[in-house]
Amino acid sequence: MIKETKTEMPNIFNEHYEKYDAWYDNHQAAFLSEIAAIKKLLPATGQGLEIGVGTGRFAKALNISHGIDPAEKMVVLASKRGIDVCVGKGELLPYENESFDYVLIMIALCFVRDPVEVLKQANRVLKKNGKIIIGIVDRESFLGKFYQKKESVFYKEARFFSVPELRELLKTAGFDNPHYFQTIFRLLEDITVEEEPQEGFGKGGFVVVGADKPF
């Protein structure tokens, strides 16, 4: 089901939503590697929300029931994948306080105008002792440096974060007890089989950070 809230539309994702969605088919081993890393920190049970759900690829693979995204054409695809989605921004989530057990934000934090407000909104809709899980391309990694130089239709608009920067943003938004897993140890074109995620950060291009909302 698709619900709508007032939002500013990111034209780049509406214009190129098919190219975005096809990336996952063209880089399946990398996608599965990222899924494996997320699962290291994602709760096994409970109701989840993905902020920046896009076309629903991650939500579908991880059994996340709800999603929100400002790109209407992406939301249509996510809905077709069975996600309960709405059109809206992470800075103004249309959900009640303490509605979810966990929140996932995959890459989307580097495209929002106010990342701290998005994280505060995630904190608001999380239940006490809920968990936030964030996936980023680490700015200081080989992959982050590659994308900062490459003329990517998507990443040319991105603001990349380092892991220490993200840790500080989470702290400002009221989260604590961060944990880290990493994957993508080679350029995407060179990944032909699913990689085993490693704890920590500093080697992998893709880092998953999990943190807790205190009681």
N, C-alpha and C. Protein backbone atom coordinates (compact mmCIF):
# COMPACT_ATOMS: atom_id res chain seq x y z
N MET A 1 0.84 -1.19 0.00
CA MET A 1 0.00 0.00 0.00
C MET A 1 0.88 1.25 0.00
N ILE A 2 0.53 2.22 -0.81
CA ILE A 2 1.29 3.47 -0.89
C ILE A 2 0.50 4.59 -0.25
N LYS A 3 1.12 5.28 0.69
CA LYS A 3 0.53 6.47 1.29
C LYS A 3 1.37 7.66 0.87
N GLU A 4 0.79 8.85 0.90
CA GLU A 4 1.52 10.03 0.46
C GLU A 4 1.55 11.07 1.58
N THR A 5 2.70 11.72 1.72
CA THR A 5 2.84 12.88 2.58
C THR A 5 3.55 13.94 1.78
N LYS A 6 3.42 15.19 2.17
CA LYS A 6 4.04 16.29 1.44
C LYS A 6 5.56 16.16 1.50
N THR A 7 6.23 16.28 0.37
CA THR A 7 7.68 16.09 0.31
C THR A 7 8.26 16.85 -0.87
N GLU A 8 9.57 17.08 -0.82
CA GLU A 8 10.31 17.59 -1.97
C GLU A 8 10.90 16.38 -2.69
N MET A 9 10.70 16.29 -3.98
CA MET A 9 11.08 15.10 -4.72
C MET A 9 12.51 15.20 -5.24
N PRO A 10 13.34 14.19 -4.97
CA PRO A 10 14.68 14.17 -5.54
C PRO A 10 14.61 13.68 -6.98
N ASN A 11 14.67 14.58 -7.93
CA ASN A 11 14.45 14.24 -9.34
C ASN A 11 15.43 13.20 -9.86
N ILE A 12 16.64 13.19 -9.32
CA ILE A 12 17.65 12.27 -9.82
C ILE A 12 17.22 10.82 -9.66
N PHE A 13 16.55 10.49 -8.56
CA PHE A 13 16.12 9.12 -8.33
C PHE A 13 14.83 8.80 -9.10
N ASN A 14 13.97 9.77 -9.28
CA ASN A 14 12.79 9.54 -10.10
C ASN A 14 13.17 9.37 -11.57
N GLU A 15 14.14 10.13 -12.03
CA GLU A 15 14.55 10.06 -13.43
C GLU A 15 15.30 8.77 -13.75
N HIS A 16 16.02 8.24 -12.78
CA HIS A 16 16.89 7.10 -13.04
C HIS A 16 16.53 5.90 -12.17
N TYR A 17 15.27 5.76 -11.79
CA TYR A 17 14.88 4.69 -10.88
C TYR A 17 15.10 3.30 -11.48
N GLU A 18 14.94 3.17 -12.79
CA GLU A 18 15.15 1.86 -13.41
C GLU A 18 16.64 1.49 -13.41
N LYS A 19 17.49 2.46 -13.65
CA LYS A 19 18.94 2.22 -13.60
C LYS A 19 19.36 1.86 -12.19
N TYR A 20 18.80 2.56 -11.21
CA TYR A 20 19.09 2.26 -9.80
C TYR A 20 18.70 0.83 -9.47
N ASP A 21 17.50 0.43 -9.85
CA ASP A 21 17.01 -0.89 -9.50
C ASP A 21 17.80 -2.00 -10.20
N ALA A 22 18.23 -1.73 -11.43
CA ALA A 22 18.98 -2.73 -12.19
C ALA A 22 20.37 -2.97 -11.60
N TRP A 23 20.89 -2.01 -10.83
CA TRP A 23 22.22 -2.17 -10.22
C TRP A 23 22.29 -3.46 -9.41
N TYR A 24 21.24 -3.79 -8.72
CA TYR A 24 21.25 -4.95 -7.83
C TYR A 24 21.30 -6.26 -8.61
N ASP A 25 20.71 -6.29 -9.79
CA ASP A 25 20.81 -7.47 -10.65
C ASP A 25 22.20 -7.57 -11.28
N ASN A 26 22.79 -6.44 -11.58
CA ASN A 26 24.10 -6.42 -12.22
C ASN A 26 25.25 -6.64 -11.25
N HIS A 27 24.99 -6.46 -9.95
CA HIS A 27 26.02 -6.62 -8.92
C HIS A 27 25.48 -7.50 -7.79
N GLN A 28 24.98 -8.65 -8.14
CA GLN A 28 24.29 -9.49 -7.17
C GLN A 28 25.19 -9.94 -6.03
N ALA A 29 26.44 -10.31 -6.33
CA ALA A 29 27.35 -10.77 -5.28
C ALA A 29 27.64 -9.66 -4.28
N ALA A 30 27.81 -8.43 -4.77
CA ALA A 30 28.03 -7.30 -3.87
C ALA A 30 26.79 -7.03 -3.02
N PHE A 31 25.63 -7.10 -3.65
CA PHE A 31 24.37 -6.91 -2.92
C PHE A 31 24.21 -7.95 -1.82
N LEU A 32 24.46 -9.20 -2.12
CA LEU A 32 24.35 -10.26 -1.11
C LEU A 32 25.39 -10.08 -0.01
N SER A 33 26.55 -9.55 -0.35
CA SER A 33 27.58 -9.27 0.66
C SER A 33 27.09 -8.20 1.64
N GLU A 34 26.44 -7.17 1.10
CA GLU A 34 25.90 -6.11 1.95
C GLU A 34 24.76 -6.64 2.83
N ILE A 35 23.91 -7.48 2.26
CA ILE A 35 22.82 -8.09 3.05
C ILE A 35 23.41 -8.90 4.21
N ALA A 36 24.45 -9.66 3.94
CA ALA A 36 25.08 -10.48 4.98
C ALA A 36 25.63 -9.62 6.11
N ALA A 37 26.22 -8.48 5.76
CA ALA A 37 26.76 -7.59 6.79
C ALA A 37 25.65 -6.96 7.62
N ILE A 38 24.56 -6.57 6.96
CA ILE A 38 23.43 -5.98 7.68
C ILE A 38 22.85 -6.98 8.66
N LYS A 39 22.74 -8.23 8.25
CA LYS A 39 22.14 -9.26 9.10
C LYS A 39 22.93 -9.49 10.39
N LYS A 40 24.19 -9.12 10.40
CA LYS A 40 25.00 -9.25 11.61
C LYS A 40 24.49 -8.34 12.72
N LEU A 41 23.80 -7.26 12.35
CA LEU A 41 23.34 -6.28 13.34
C LEU A 41 21.83 -6.12 13.38
N LEU A 42 21.13 -6.63 12.39
CA LEU A 42 19.68 -6.47 12.31
C LEU A 42 18.99 -7.42 13.29
N PRO A 43 18.03 -6.93 14.08
CA PRO A 43 17.29 -7.83 14.98
C PRO A 43 16.57 -8.93 14.20
N ALA A 44 16.50 -10.10 14.79
CA ALA A 44 15.87 -11.24 14.12
C ALA A 44 14.35 -11.15 14.15
N THR A 45 13.82 -10.40 15.10
CA THR A 45 12.37 -10.27 15.23
C THR A 45 11.99 -8.81 15.41
N GLY A 46 10.68 -8.53 15.35
CA GLY A 46 10.19 -7.18 15.55
C GLY A 46 9.79 -6.52 14.25
N GLN A 47 9.12 -5.39 14.38
CA GLN A 47 8.65 -4.63 13.21
C GLN A 47 9.67 -3.57 12.84
N GLY A 48 10.05 -3.54 11.56
CA GLY A 48 11.08 -2.62 11.11
C GLY A 48 10.59 -1.59 10.12
N LEU A 49 11.34 -0.51 10.02
CA LEU A 49 11.11 0.57 9.06
C LEU A 49 12.42 0.84 8.34
N GLU A 50 12.35 0.99 7.01
CA GLU A 50 13.51 1.45 6.26
C GLU A 50 13.28 2.87 5.78
N ILE A 51 14.13 3.78 6.22
CA ILE A 51 14.11 5.17 5.77
C ILE A 51 14.96 5.26 4.51
N GLY A 52 14.39 5.78 3.42
CA GLY A 52 15.08 5.76 2.14
C GLY A 52 14.99 4.38 1.53
N VAL A 53 13.79 3.83 1.51
CA VAL A 53 13.58 2.44 1.10
C VAL A 53 13.86 2.21 -0.38
N GLY A 54 13.85 3.28 -1.18
CA GLY A 54 14.12 3.13 -2.60
C GLY A 54 13.12 2.20 -3.27
N THR A 55 13.62 1.26 -4.05
CA THR A 55 12.75 0.32 -4.75
C THR A 55 12.45 -0.92 -3.93
N GLY A 56 12.87 -0.93 -2.69
CA GLY A 56 12.50 -2.01 -1.77
C GLY A 56 13.40 -3.22 -1.81
N ARG A 57 14.54 -3.13 -2.46
CA ARG A 57 15.43 -4.29 -2.58
C ARG A 57 15.89 -4.79 -1.21
N PHE A 58 16.38 -3.89 -0.37
CA PHE A 58 16.87 -4.30 0.95
C PHE A 58 15.72 -4.71 1.86
N ALA A 59 14.66 -3.93 1.87
CA ALA A 59 13.51 -4.25 2.72
C ALA A 59 12.96 -5.62 2.39
N LYS A 60 12.84 -5.95 1.11
CA LYS A 60 12.33 -7.24 0.70
C LYS A 60 13.25 -8.36 1.17
N ALA A 61 14.55 -8.20 0.94
CA ALA A 61 15.51 -9.25 1.29
C ALA A 61 15.62 -9.45 2.80
N LEU A 62 15.32 -8.40 3.57
CA LEU A 62 15.49 -8.45 5.02
C LEU A 62 14.16 -8.56 5.77
N ASN A 63 13.07 -8.74 5.03
CA ASN A 63 11.74 -8.88 5.64
C ASN A 63 11.34 -7.67 6.49
N ILE A 64 11.66 -6.49 5.99
CA ILE A 64 11.26 -5.25 6.66
C ILE A 64 9.92 -4.82 6.09
N SER A 65 8.95 -4.60 6.97
CA SER A 65 7.56 -4.44 6.54
C SER A 65 7.23 -3.04 6.04
N HIS A 66 7.88 -2.00 6.58
CA HIS A 66 7.51 -0.61 6.27
C HIS A 66 8.69 0.15 5.67
N GLY A 67 8.36 1.13 4.81
CA GLY A 67 9.39 1.96 4.21
C GLY A 67 8.87 3.33 3.84
N ILE A 68 9.79 4.27 3.72
CA ILE A 68 9.45 5.63 3.30
C ILE A 68 10.55 6.14 2.39
N ASP A 69 10.18 6.90 1.36
CA ASP A 69 11.14 7.44 0.42
C ASP A 69 10.50 8.62 -0.30
N PRO A 70 11.28 9.66 -0.63
CA PRO A 70 10.70 10.81 -1.33
C PRO A 70 10.52 10.62 -2.83
N ALA A 71 11.09 9.57 -3.40
CA ALA A 71 11.02 9.35 -4.85
C ALA A 71 9.81 8.48 -5.18
N GLU A 72 8.81 9.09 -5.77
CA GLU A 72 7.53 8.41 -6.00
C GLU A 72 7.66 7.17 -6.88
N LYS A 73 8.46 7.25 -7.94
CA LYS A 73 8.57 6.11 -8.85
C LYS A 73 9.26 4.93 -8.18
N MET A 74 10.19 5.21 -7.29
CA MET A 74 10.82 4.14 -6.53
C MET A 74 9.84 3.50 -5.56
N VAL A 75 9.04 4.32 -4.95
CA VAL A 75 8.05 3.83 -3.99
C VAL A 75 7.07 2.88 -4.66
N VAL A 76 6.71 3.16 -5.90
CA VAL A 76 5.80 2.26 -6.63
C VAL A 76 6.41 0.87 -6.74
N LEU A 77 7.71 0.79 -7.07
CA LEU A 77 8.36 -0.51 -7.17
C LEU A 77 8.45 -1.20 -5.81
N ALA A 78 8.74 -0.43 -4.77
CA ALA A 78 8.80 -1.01 -3.43
C ALA A 78 7.45 -1.59 -3.01
N SER A 79 6.39 -0.90 -3.37
CA SER A 79 5.05 -1.39 -3.06
C SER A 79 4.77 -2.70 -3.78
N LYS A 80 5.22 -2.82 -5.02
CA LYS A 80 5.03 -4.05 -5.78
C LYS A 80 5.81 -5.20 -5.16
N ARG A 81 6.85 -4.88 -4.39
CA ARG A 81 7.61 -5.92 -3.71
C ARG A 81 7.02 -6.26 -2.33
N GLY A 82 5.85 -5.70 -2.04
CA GLY A 82 5.13 -6.07 -0.83
C GLY A 82 5.44 -5.23 0.39
N ILE A 83 6.14 -4.11 0.21
CA ILE A 83 6.47 -3.24 1.33
C ILE A 83 5.34 -2.23 1.55
N ASP A 84 4.97 -1.98 2.79
CA ASP A 84 3.99 -0.94 3.13
C ASP A 84 4.73 0.39 3.13
N VAL A 85 4.61 1.13 2.03
CA VAL A 85 5.46 2.31 1.83
C VAL A 85 4.65 3.60 1.74
N CYS A 86 5.31 4.70 2.03
CA CYS A 86 4.72 6.01 1.82
C CYS A 86 5.76 6.94 1.22
N VAL A 87 5.28 7.96 0.53
CA VAL A 87 6.15 8.99 -0.04
C VAL A 87 6.37 10.05 1.03
N GLY A 88 7.61 10.28 1.40
CA GLY A 88 7.89 11.25 2.45
C GLY A 88 9.38 11.36 2.74
N LYS A 89 9.74 12.27 3.63
CA LYS A 89 11.13 12.55 3.96
C LYS A 89 11.48 11.98 5.33
N GLY A 90 12.74 11.62 5.48
CA GLY A 90 13.23 11.13 6.76
C GLY A 90 13.22 12.19 7.85
N GLU A 91 13.26 13.46 7.44
CA GLU A 91 13.24 14.54 8.43
C GLU A 91 11.85 14.76 9.03
N LEU A 92 10.83 14.14 8.45
CA LEU A 92 9.46 14.33 8.94
C LEU A 92 8.70 13.01 8.78
N LEU A 93 9.00 12.07 9.63
CA LEU A 93 8.40 10.74 9.51
C LEU A 93 6.94 10.76 9.95
N PRO A 94 6.04 10.21 9.13
CA PRO A 94 4.61 10.21 9.44
C PRO A 94 4.19 9.01 10.28
N TYR A 95 4.95 8.73 11.35
CA TYR A 95 4.66 7.60 12.21
C TYR A 95 4.60 8.06 13.67
N GLU A 96 3.85 7.33 14.47
CA GLU A 96 3.71 7.65 15.88
C GLU A 96 5.00 7.35 16.63
N ASN A 97 5.16 7.98 17.79
CA ASN A 97 6.30 7.70 18.66
C ASN A 97 6.34 6.21 19.02
N GLU A 98 7.53 5.68 19.08
CA GLU A 98 7.76 4.30 19.54
C GLU A 98 6.93 3.28 18.77
N SER A 99 6.96 3.39 17.44
CA SER A 99 6.18 2.50 16.57
C SER A 99 6.97 1.27 16.11
N PHE A 100 8.31 1.34 16.10
CA PHE A 100 9.10 0.29 15.48
C PHE A 100 10.17 -0.25 16.43
N ASP A 101 10.52 -1.52 16.18
CA ASP A 101 11.58 -2.16 16.96
C ASP A 101 12.96 -1.83 16.42
N TYR A 102 13.04 -1.56 15.13
CA TYR A 102 14.32 -1.18 14.54
C TYR A 102 14.08 -0.35 13.28
N VAL A 103 15.09 0.45 12.94
CA VAL A 103 15.07 1.29 11.74
C VAL A 103 16.34 1.04 10.95
N LEU A 104 16.18 0.85 9.65
CA LEU A 104 17.31 0.69 8.74
C LEU A 104 17.42 1.91 7.84
N ILE A 105 18.65 2.40 7.66
CA ILE A 105 18.92 3.47 6.69
C ILE A 105 20.09 3.01 5.83
N MET A 106 19.81 2.70 4.58
CA MET A 106 20.82 2.17 3.68
C MET A 106 21.30 3.25 2.70
N ILE A 107 22.50 3.77 2.92
CA ILE A 107 23.12 4.76 2.03
C ILE A 107 22.37 6.10 2.02
N ALA A 108 21.07 6.07 2.28
CA ALA A 108 20.22 7.25 2.09
C ALA A 108 20.65 8.45 2.92
N LEU A 109 21.36 8.20 4.03
CA LEU A 109 21.75 9.32 4.89
C LEU A 109 22.65 10.31 4.16
N CYS A 110 23.37 9.84 3.16
CA CYS A 110 24.29 10.74 2.45
C CYS A 110 23.58 11.59 1.40
N PHE A 111 22.26 11.41 1.26
CA PHE A 111 21.49 12.21 0.31
C PHE A 111 20.51 13.17 0.97
N VAL A 112 20.35 13.12 2.29
CA VAL A 112 19.36 13.96 2.97
C VAL A 112 19.95 15.34 3.28
N ARG A 113 19.05 16.31 3.47
CA ARG A 113 19.51 17.67 3.78
C ARG A 113 19.98 17.82 5.22
N ASP A 114 19.31 17.10 6.14
CA ASP A 114 19.60 17.26 7.56
C ASP A 114 19.75 15.89 8.21
N PRO A 115 20.95 15.29 8.15
CA PRO A 115 21.12 13.93 8.67
C PRO A 115 20.83 13.81 10.16
N VAL A 116 21.15 14.83 10.95
CA VAL A 116 20.87 14.75 12.38
C VAL A 116 19.37 14.69 12.64
N GLU A 117 18.60 15.47 11.92
CA GLU A 117 17.15 15.45 12.10
C GLU A 117 16.58 14.10 11.69
N VAL A 118 17.11 13.51 10.62
CA VAL A 118 16.65 12.18 10.22
C VAL A 118 16.91 11.18 11.34
N LEU A 119 18.08 11.26 11.94
CA LEU A 119 18.41 10.33 13.04
C LEU A 119 17.55 10.60 14.27
N LYS A 120 17.26 11.84 14.54
CA LYS A 120 16.38 12.16 15.66
C LYS A 120 14.97 11.64 15.42
N GLN A 121 14.51 11.74 14.18
CA GLN A 121 13.20 11.21 13.84
C GLN A 121 13.19 9.68 13.98
N ALA A 122 14.27 9.05 13.57
CA ALA A 122 14.38 7.60 13.75
C ALA A 122 14.33 7.24 15.24
N ASN A 123 15.01 8.03 16.06
CA ASN A 123 14.98 7.81 17.50
C ASN A 123 13.56 7.93 18.04
N ARG A 124 12.84 8.91 17.56
CA ARG A 124 11.47 9.15 18.02
C ARG A 124 10.55 7.97 17.74
N VAL A 125 10.65 7.40 16.53
CA VAL A 125 9.71 6.33 16.17
C VAL A 125 10.16 4.96 16.66
N LEU A 126 11.36 4.88 17.23
CA LEU A 126 11.84 3.62 17.79
C LEU A 126 11.30 3.40 19.19
N LYS A 127 11.01 2.15 19.50
CA LYS A 127 10.66 1.79 20.87
C LYS A 127 11.90 1.88 21.75
N LYS A 128 11.70 2.00 23.05
CA LYS A 128 12.83 2.03 23.97
C LYS A 128 13.62 0.74 23.82
N ASN A 129 14.92 0.89 23.79
CA ASN A 129 15.85 -0.21 23.54
C ASN A 129 15.77 -0.70 22.10
N GLY A 130 15.17 0.10 21.21
CA GLY A 130 15.17 -0.22 19.79
C GLY A 130 16.54 0.01 19.18
N LYS A 131 16.70 -0.42 17.95
CA LYS A 131 18.01 -0.37 17.31
C LYS A 131 17.92 0.34 15.96
N ILE A 132 18.94 1.14 15.69
CA ILE A 132 19.11 1.73 14.36
C ILE A 132 20.28 1.06 13.68
N ILE A 133 20.13 0.76 12.40
CA ILE A 133 21.18 0.14 11.60
C ILE A 133 21.38 1.00 10.36
N ILE A 134 22.62 1.44 10.14
CA ILE A 134 22.92 2.34 9.03
C ILE A 134 24.04 1.74 8.18
N GLY A 135 23.81 1.72 6.88
CA GLY A 135 24.85 1.29 5.95
C GLY A 135 25.39 2.48 5.18
N ILE A 136 26.71 2.60 5.11
CA ILE A 136 27.33 3.70 4.39
C ILE A 136 28.49 3.20 3.53
N VAL A 137 28.80 3.95 2.50
CA VAL A 137 30.09 3.82 1.83
C VAL A 137 31.05 4.71 2.61
N ASP A 138 32.00 4.09 3.30
CA ASP A 138 32.93 4.82 4.15
C ASP A 138 33.77 5.79 3.30
N ARG A 139 33.67 7.06 3.62
CA ARG A 139 34.38 8.08 2.85
C ARG A 139 35.88 7.85 2.82
N GLU A 140 36.44 7.29 3.90
CA GLU A 140 37.88 7.11 3.99
C GLU A 140 38.36 5.80 3.38
N SER A 141 37.44 4.98 2.92
CA SER A 141 37.82 3.69 2.34
C SER A 141 38.21 3.84 0.87
N PHE A 142 38.77 2.79 0.31
CA PHE A 142 39.13 2.79 -1.11
C PHE A 142 37.89 3.02 -1.98
N LEU A 143 36.75 2.47 -1.55
CA LEU A 143 35.53 2.62 -2.34
C LEU A 143 34.98 4.04 -2.25
N GLY A 144 35.04 4.61 -1.06
CA GLY A 144 34.61 6.00 -0.89
C GLY A 144 35.44 6.95 -1.74
N LYS A 145 36.73 6.75 -1.76
CA LYS A 145 37.61 7.60 -2.56
C LYS A 145 37.36 7.40 -4.05
N PHE A 146 37.05 6.16 -4.43
CA PHE A 146 36.75 5.86 -5.83
C PHE A 146 35.49 6.59 -6.28
N TYR A 147 34.42 6.52 -5.45
CA TYR A 147 33.16 7.15 -5.83
C TYR A 147 33.24 8.67 -5.80
N GLN A 148 34.12 9.23 -4.97
CA GLN A 148 34.26 10.68 -4.94
C GLN A 148 34.92 11.20 -6.22
N LYS A 149 35.64 10.34 -6.91
CA LYS A 149 36.29 10.72 -8.16
C LYS A 149 35.47 10.35 -9.38
N LYS A 150 34.67 9.27 -9.25
CA LYS A 150 33.92 8.76 -10.39
C LYS A 150 32.71 9.64 -10.68
N GLU A 151 32.39 9.81 -11.96
CA GLU A 151 31.21 10.58 -12.36
C GLU A 151 29.97 9.68 -12.32
N SER A 152 29.49 9.42 -11.12
CA SER A 152 28.30 8.59 -10.94
C SER A 152 27.05 9.47 -10.96
N VAL A 153 26.02 9.02 -11.69
CA VAL A 153 24.78 9.80 -11.77
C VAL A 153 24.15 9.97 -10.39
N PHE A 154 24.38 9.03 -9.49
CA PHE A 154 23.80 9.10 -8.14
C PHE A 154 24.77 9.73 -7.14
N TYR A 155 25.99 9.22 -7.09
CA TYR A 155 26.90 9.64 -6.03
C TYR A 155 27.48 11.04 -6.24
N LYS A 156 27.29 11.62 -7.41
CA LYS A 156 27.75 13.01 -7.58
C LYS A 156 26.95 13.96 -6.69
N GLU A 157 25.78 13.52 -6.24
CA GLU A 157 24.95 14.33 -5.36
C GLU A 157 25.14 13.98 -3.89
N ALA A 158 25.98 12.98 -3.60
CA ALA A 158 26.08 12.43 -2.24
C ALA A 158 27.05 13.22 -1.37
N ARG A 159 26.77 13.18 -0.08
CA ARG A 159 27.70 13.67 0.93
C ARG A 159 28.18 12.44 1.72
N PHE A 160 29.42 12.04 1.48
CA PHE A 160 29.93 10.83 2.12
C PHE A 160 30.34 11.12 3.56
N PHE A 161 30.16 10.11 4.41
CA PHE A 161 30.56 10.21 5.81
C PHE A 161 31.66 9.20 6.12
N SER A 162 32.54 9.57 7.02
CA SER A 162 33.45 8.59 7.61
C SER A 162 32.74 7.93 8.78
N VAL A 163 33.26 6.80 9.23
CA VAL A 163 32.64 6.11 10.36
C VAL A 163 32.71 6.96 11.64
N PRO A 164 33.82 7.61 11.97
CA PRO A 164 33.82 8.48 13.16
C PRO A 164 32.80 9.61 13.07
N GLU A 165 32.60 10.18 11.88
CA GLU A 165 31.59 11.23 11.71
C GLU A 165 30.19 10.68 11.98
N LEU A 166 29.91 9.50 11.45
CA LEU A 166 28.60 8.90 11.67
C LEU A 166 28.39 8.58 13.14
N ARG A 167 29.43 8.13 13.80
CA ARG A 167 29.33 7.84 15.24
C ARG A 167 28.95 9.09 16.02
N GLU A 168 29.51 10.21 15.66
CA GLU A 168 29.18 11.46 16.35
C GLU A 168 27.75 11.90 16.05
N LEU A 169 27.30 11.72 14.81
CA LEU A 169 25.92 12.04 14.47
C LEU A 169 24.95 11.19 15.28
N LEU A 170 25.25 9.92 15.43
CA LEU A 170 24.40 9.03 16.22
C LEU A 170 24.36 9.46 17.67
N LYS A 171 25.49 9.83 18.21
CA LYS A 171 25.56 10.29 19.59
C LYS A 171 24.72 11.54 19.78
N THR A 172 24.82 12.48 18.84
CA THR A 172 24.04 13.72 18.91
C THR A 172 22.54 13.43 18.89
N ALA A 173 22.14 12.39 18.14
CA ALA A 173 20.72 12.04 18.01
C ALA A 173 20.22 11.17 19.15
N GLY A 174 21.10 10.85 20.12
CA GLY A 174 20.65 10.12 21.30
C GLY A 174 20.87 8.62 21.28
N PHE A 175 21.70 8.12 20.36
CA PHE A 175 22.00 6.69 20.29
C PHE A 175 23.33 6.39 20.96
N ASP A 176 23.48 5.16 21.44
CA ASP A 176 24.75 4.75 22.03
C ASP A 176 25.05 3.30 21.71
N ASN A 177 26.17 2.82 22.24
CA ASN A 177 26.61 1.43 22.10
C ASN A 177 26.77 1.01 20.64
N PRO A 178 27.56 1.74 19.85
CA PRO A 178 27.70 1.40 18.43
C PRO A 178 28.52 0.12 18.20
N HIS A 179 28.12 -0.62 17.16
CA HIS A 179 28.85 -1.80 16.71
C HIS A 179 29.02 -1.70 15.19
N TYR A 180 30.03 -2.38 14.67
CA TYR A 180 30.37 -2.21 13.26
C TYR A 180 30.67 -3.53 12.57
N PHE A 181 30.21 -3.65 11.33
CA PHE A 181 30.61 -4.73 10.44
C PHE A 181 30.91 -4.14 9.08
N GLN A 182 31.83 -4.77 8.35
CA GLN A 182 32.28 -4.25 7.08
C GLN A 182 32.31 -5.35 6.02
N THR A 183 32.17 -4.93 4.78
CA THR A 183 32.28 -5.83 3.64
C THR A 183 32.67 -5.01 2.42
N ILE A 184 32.65 -5.60 1.25
CA ILE A 184 33.10 -5.00 -0.03
C ILE A 184 34.58 -4.63 0.10
N PHE A 185 35.41 -5.65 -0.09
CA PHE A 185 36.86 -5.48 0.07
C PHE A 185 37.57 -5.30 -1.27
N ARG A 186 36.80 -5.31 -2.35
CA ARG A 186 37.35 -5.08 -3.69
C ARG A 186 36.38 -4.21 -4.46
N LEU A 187 36.80 -3.70 -5.60
CA LEU A 187 35.89 -2.95 -6.45
C LEU A 187 34.74 -3.87 -6.87
N LEU A 188 33.56 -3.29 -7.05
CA LEU A 188 32.35 -4.08 -7.27
C LEU A 188 32.46 -5.01 -8.48
N GLU A 189 33.12 -4.55 -9.53
CA GLU A 189 33.24 -5.36 -10.75
C GLU A 189 34.07 -6.62 -10.51
N ASP A 190 34.86 -6.62 -9.43
CA ASP A 190 35.73 -7.77 -9.14
C ASP A 190 35.10 -8.75 -8.15
N ILE A 191 33.92 -8.44 -7.65
CA ILE A 191 33.26 -9.31 -6.68
C ILE A 191 32.33 -10.26 -7.42
N THR A 192 32.66 -11.54 -7.41
CA THR A 192 31.86 -12.53 -8.13
C THR A 192 31.16 -13.51 -7.20
N VAL A 193 31.60 -13.56 -5.94
CA VAL A 193 30.94 -14.40 -4.94
C VAL A 193 30.72 -13.57 -3.68
N GLU A 194 29.73 -13.96 -2.90
CA GLU A 194 29.39 -13.24 -1.66
C GLU A 194 30.58 -13.22 -0.71
N GLU A 195 30.90 -12.05 -0.18
CA GLU A 195 32.00 -11.90 0.76
C GLU A 195 31.50 -12.13 2.19
N GLU A 196 32.39 -12.65 3.03
CA GLU A 196 32.07 -12.83 4.45
C GLU A 196 32.32 -11.52 5.18
N PRO A 197 31.30 -10.97 5.87
CA PRO A 197 31.51 -9.71 6.58
C PRO A 197 32.49 -9.86 7.75
N GLN A 198 33.20 -8.80 8.02
CA GLN A 198 34.15 -8.78 9.13
C GLN A 198 33.74 -7.72 10.14
N GLU A 199 33.97 -8.01 11.40
CA GLU A 199 33.65 -7.03 12.44
C GLU A 199 34.61 -5.85 12.35
N GLY A 200 34.11 -4.67 12.73
CA GLY A 200 34.93 -3.47 12.72
C GLY A 200 34.81 -2.69 11.43
N PHE A 201 35.74 -1.77 11.20
CA PHE A 201 35.78 -0.97 9.98
C PHE A 201 37.22 -0.60 9.68
N GLY A 202 37.45 -0.07 8.47
CA GLY A 202 38.79 0.34 8.10
C GLY A 202 39.36 -0.40 6.91
N LYS A 203 38.74 -1.56 6.58
CA LYS A 203 39.19 -2.35 5.43
C LYS A 203 38.13 -2.37 4.32
N GLY A 204 36.88 -2.56 4.71
CA GLY A 204 35.80 -2.67 3.74
C GLY A 204 35.30 -1.33 3.26
N GLY A 205 34.81 -1.29 2.02
CA GLY A 205 34.25 -0.06 1.49
C GLY A 205 32.87 0.23 2.00
N PHE A 206 32.15 -0.83 2.38
CA PHE A 206 30.78 -0.69 2.90
C PHE A 206 30.78 -1.06 4.37
N VAL A 207 30.27 -0.16 5.20
CA VAL A 207 30.26 -0.37 6.66
C VAL A 207 28.84 -0.26 7.17
N VAL A 208 28.47 -1.20 8.02
CA VAL A 208 27.18 -1.19 8.69
C VAL A 208 27.40 -0.83 10.15
N VAL A 209 26.68 0.17 10.62
CA VAL A 209 26.79 0.62 12.00
C VAL A 209 25.45 0.39 12.68
N GLY A 210 25.49 -0.29 13.81
CA GLY A 210 24.29 -0.49 14.60
C GLY A 210 24.44 0.20 15.94
N ALA A 211 23.37 0.85 16.41
CA ALA A 211 23.40 1.55 17.70
C ALA A 211 22.05 1.41 18.37
N ASP A 212 22.02 1.66 19.68
CA ASP A 212 20.82 1.42 20.47
C ASP A 212 20.17 2.72 20.92
N LYS A 213 18.86 2.69 21.01
CA LYS A 213 18.10 3.74 21.70
C LYS A 213 17.98 3.30 23.17
N PRO A 214 18.54 4.07 24.10
CA PRO A 214 18.54 3.63 25.49
C PRO A 214 17.13 3.56 26.06
N PHE A 215 16.99 2.80 27.15
CA PHE A 215 15.72 2.79 27.87
C PHE A 215 15.41 4.18 28.42
